[in-house]
């Protein structure tokens, strides 16, 4: 699996040999894992943040439960969430098309 990011969000891509995904939360897990591999802690600063699981429904974005955020507060906050959760299952979309998109907020 690999991810690509742009100004609109992050896309998880399926590569040859990748297994099917059975749950939406697994999609979120892989996005978080790959973002952490890409951005990992590059300093010894214990306050450096890493990508974490995020529940958009707890902050009033939507009823969606799938998202990740970069652990920063204020101007540096980046949130990716599955804004199409009501019309598509992220795992099914990944399995069917080979990719799934999470919008930046």
C-alpha atoms as a PDB file:
ATOM      1  CA  UNK A   1       0.000   0.000   0.000  1.00  0.00           C
ATOM      2  CA  UNK A   2       1.043   3.555  -0.536  1.00  0.00           C
ATOM      3  CA  UNK A   3      -0.425   7.001   0.024  1.00  0.00           C
ATOM      4  CA  UNK A   4      -0.428  10.194  -1.974  1.00  0.00           C
ATOM      5  CA  UNK A   5      -1.340  13.569  -0.538  1.00  0.00           C
ATOM      6  CA  UNK A   6      -2.354  16.796  -2.210  1.00  0.00           C
ATOM      7  CA  UNK A   7      -4.093  19.996  -1.199  1.00  0.00           C
ATOM      8  CA  UNK A   8      -7.463  18.180  -1.157  1.00  0.00           C
ATOM      9  CA  UNK A   9      -6.592  15.178   0.994  1.00  0.00           C
ATOM     10  CA  UNK A  10      -4.889  11.794   1.134  1.00  0.00           C
ATOM     11  CA  UNK A  11      -5.458   8.737  -1.063  1.00  0.00           C
ATOM     12  CA  UNK A  12      -4.630   5.173  -0.045  1.00  0.00           C
ATOM     13  CA  UNK A  13      -3.609   3.115  -3.093  1.00  0.00           C
ATOM     14  CA  UNK A  14      -3.637  -0.653  -3.433  1.00  0.00           C
ATOM     15  CA  UNK A  15      -0.479  -2.162  -4.876  1.00  0.00           C
ATOM     16  CA  UNK A  16      -0.047  -5.607  -6.459  1.00  0.00           C
ATOM     17  CA  UNK A  17      -0.019  -8.265  -3.746  1.00  0.00           C
ATOM     18  CA  UNK A  18      -1.919  -6.194  -1.158  1.00  0.00           C
ATOM     19  CA  UNK A  19      -4.686  -8.074   0.604  1.00  0.00           C
ATOM     20  CA  UNK A  20      -8.315  -7.026   0.644  1.00  0.00           C
ATOM     21  CA  UNK A  21      -9.494  -4.887   3.538  1.00  0.00           C
ATOM     22  CA  UNK A  22     -12.545  -5.995   5.494  1.00  0.00           C
ATOM     23  CA  UNK A  23     -13.319  -2.983   7.744  1.00  0.00           C
ATOM     24  CA  UNK A  24     -13.372   0.780   7.335  1.00  0.00           C
ATOM     25  CA  UNK A  25     -11.292   1.180  10.479  1.00  0.00           C
ATOM     26  CA  UNK A  26      -8.531  -0.858   8.819  1.00  0.00           C
ATOM     27  CA  UNK A  27      -8.355   1.713   6.016  1.00  0.00           C
ATOM     28  CA  UNK A  28      -7.910   4.439   8.625  1.00  0.00           C
ATOM     29  CA  UNK A  29      -5.242   2.354  10.372  1.00  0.00           C
ATOM     30  CA  UNK A  30      -3.226   1.966   7.158  1.00  0.00           C
ATOM     31  CA  UNK A  31      -3.476   5.664   6.324  1.00  0.00           C
ATOM     32  CA  UNK A  32      -2.280   6.555   9.827  1.00  0.00           C
ATOM     33  CA  UNK A  33       0.534   3.999   9.682  1.00  0.00           C
ATOM     34  CA  UNK A  34       1.773   5.211   6.291  1.00  0.00           C
ATOM     35  CA  UNK A  35       1.592   8.882   7.305  1.00  0.00           C
ATOM     36  CA  UNK A  36       3.660   8.040  10.399  1.00  0.00           C
ATOM     37  CA  UNK A  37       6.198   6.152   8.270  1.00  0.00           C
ATOM     38  CA  UNK A  38       6.448   9.158   5.964  1.00  0.00           C
ATOM     39  CA  UNK A  39       6.480  11.894   8.614  1.00  0.00           C
ATOM     40  CA  UNK A  40       7.749   9.993  11.676  1.00  0.00           C
ATOM     41  CA  UNK A  41       9.457  11.789  14.500  1.00  0.00           C
ATOM     42  CA  UNK A  42      12.458  13.414  12.913  1.00  0.00           C
ATOM     43  CA  UNK A  43      13.804  14.913  16.124  1.00  0.00           C
ATOM     44  CA  UNK A  44      14.388  13.711  19.646  1.00  0.00           C
ATOM     45  CA  UNK A  45      11.820  16.213  20.890  1.00  0.00           C
ATOM     46  CA  UNK A  46       9.362  14.297  23.090  1.00  0.00           C
ATOM     47  CA  UNK A  47       6.700  16.877  22.300  1.00  0.00           C
ATOM     48  CA  UNK A  48       6.881  16.088  18.575  1.00  0.00           C
ATOM     49  CA  UNK A  49       3.518  14.736  17.483  1.00  0.00           C
ATOM     50  CA  UNK A  50       2.705  11.838  15.227  1.00  0.00           C
ATOM     51  CA  UNK A  51      -0.422  10.996  13.258  1.00  0.00           C
ATOM     52  CA  UNK A  52      -3.245   9.744  15.478  1.00  0.00           C
ATOM     53  CA  UNK A  53      -6.727   8.325  15.144  1.00  0.00           C
ATOM     54  CA  UNK A  54      -9.416  11.024  15.028  1.00  0.00           C
ATOM     55  CA  UNK A  55     -13.190  10.801  15.463  1.00  0.00           C
ATOM     56  CA  UNK A  56     -14.808  13.611  13.412  1.00  0.00           C
ATOM     57  CA  UNK A  57     -18.172  12.976  15.091  1.00  0.00           C
ATOM     58  CA  UNK A  58     -16.745  14.054  18.457  1.00  0.00           C
ATOM     59  CA  UNK A  59     -15.956  17.572  17.180  1.00  0.00           C
ATOM     60  CA  UNK A  60     -19.149  18.073  15.182  1.00  0.00           C
ATOM     61  CA  UNK A  61     -17.782  17.619  11.641  1.00  0.00           C
ATOM     62  CA  UNK A  62     -20.187  14.790  10.831  1.00  0.00           C
ATOM     63  CA  UNK A  63     -21.340  11.433  12.115  1.00  0.00           C
ATOM     64  CA  UNK A  64     -18.237   9.854  10.531  1.00  0.00           C
ATOM     65  CA  UNK A  65     -15.944   7.861  12.850  1.00  0.00           C
ATOM     66  CA  UNK A  66     -12.987   7.499  10.445  1.00  0.00           C
ATOM     67  CA  UNK A  67     -10.204  10.059  10.469  1.00  0.00           C
ATOM     68  CA  UNK A  68      -6.616  10.900  11.403  1.00  0.00           C
ATOM     69  CA  UNK A  69      -4.973  14.112  12.608  1.00  0.00           C
ATOM     70  CA  UNK A  70      -1.377  15.232  12.997  1.00  0.00           C
ATOM     71  CA  UNK A  71      -1.538  15.850  16.745  1.00  0.00           C
ATOM     72  CA  UNK A  72      -0.896  19.584  16.474  1.00  0.00           C
ATOM     73  CA  UNK A  73      -3.173  22.275  17.803  1.00  0.00           C
ATOM     74  CA  UNK A  74      -3.796  25.653  16.242  1.00  0.00           C
ATOM     75  CA  UNK A  75      -2.537  26.741  12.843  1.00  0.00           C
ATOM     76  CA  UNK A  76      -0.582  23.522  12.162  1.00  0.00           C
ATOM     77  CA  UNK A  77      -3.546  21.168  12.558  1.00  0.00           C
ATOM     78  CA  UNK A  78      -4.225  18.809   9.651  1.00  0.00           C
ATOM     79  CA  UNK A  79      -7.207  16.443   9.706  1.00  0.00           C
ATOM     80  CA  UNK A  80      -8.026  13.782   7.097  1.00  0.00           C
ATOM     81  CA  UNK A  81     -11.454  12.154   7.291  1.00  0.00           C
ATOM     82  CA  UNK A  82     -13.695   9.954   5.152  1.00  0.00           C
ATOM     83  CA  UNK A  83     -16.307  12.514   4.191  1.00  0.00           C
ATOM     84  CA  UNK A  84     -18.191  10.063   1.937  1.00  0.00           C
ATOM     85  CA  UNK A  85     -18.911   7.664   4.784  1.00  0.00           C
ATOM     86  CA  UNK A  86     -22.686   7.881   4.253  1.00  0.00           C
ATOM     87  CA  UNK A  87     -22.568   6.804   0.601  1.00  0.00           C
ATOM     88  CA  UNK A  88     -19.526   4.523   0.442  1.00  0.00           C
ATOM     89  CA  UNK A  89     -17.779   2.028   2.661  1.00  0.00           C
ATOM     90  CA  UNK A  90     -14.047   2.858   2.614  1.00  0.00           C
ATOM     91  CA  UNK A  91     -13.034  -0.824   2.675  1.00  0.00           C
ATOM     92  CA  UNK A  92     -15.372  -1.747  -0.193  1.00  0.00           C
ATOM     93  CA  UNK A  93     -14.175   1.241  -2.234  1.00  0.00           C
ATOM     94  CA  UNK A  94     -10.538   0.252  -1.668  1.00  0.00           C
ATOM     95  CA  UNK A  95     -11.213  -3.357  -2.657  1.00  0.00           C
ATOM     96  CA  UNK A  96     -13.288  -2.449  -5.734  1.00  0.00           C
ATOM     97  CA  UNK A  97     -11.281   0.425  -7.234  1.00  0.00           C
ATOM     98  CA  UNK A  98      -7.858   0.014  -5.644  1.00  0.00           C
ATOM     99  CA  UNK A  99      -7.956   3.362  -3.868  1.00  0.00           C
ATOM    100  CA  UNK A 100      -9.900   5.376  -1.318  1.00  0.00           C
ATOM    101  CA  UNK A 101      -9.796   9.104  -0.591  1.00  0.00           C
ATOM    102  CA  UNK A 102      -9.944  10.978   2.736  1.00  0.00           C
ATOM    103  CA  UNK A 103     -10.656  14.716   2.561  1.00  0.00           C
ATOM    104  CA  UNK A 104      -8.534  17.288   4.385  1.00  0.00           C
ATOM    105  CA  UNK A 105     -10.345  19.516   6.879  1.00  0.00           C
END
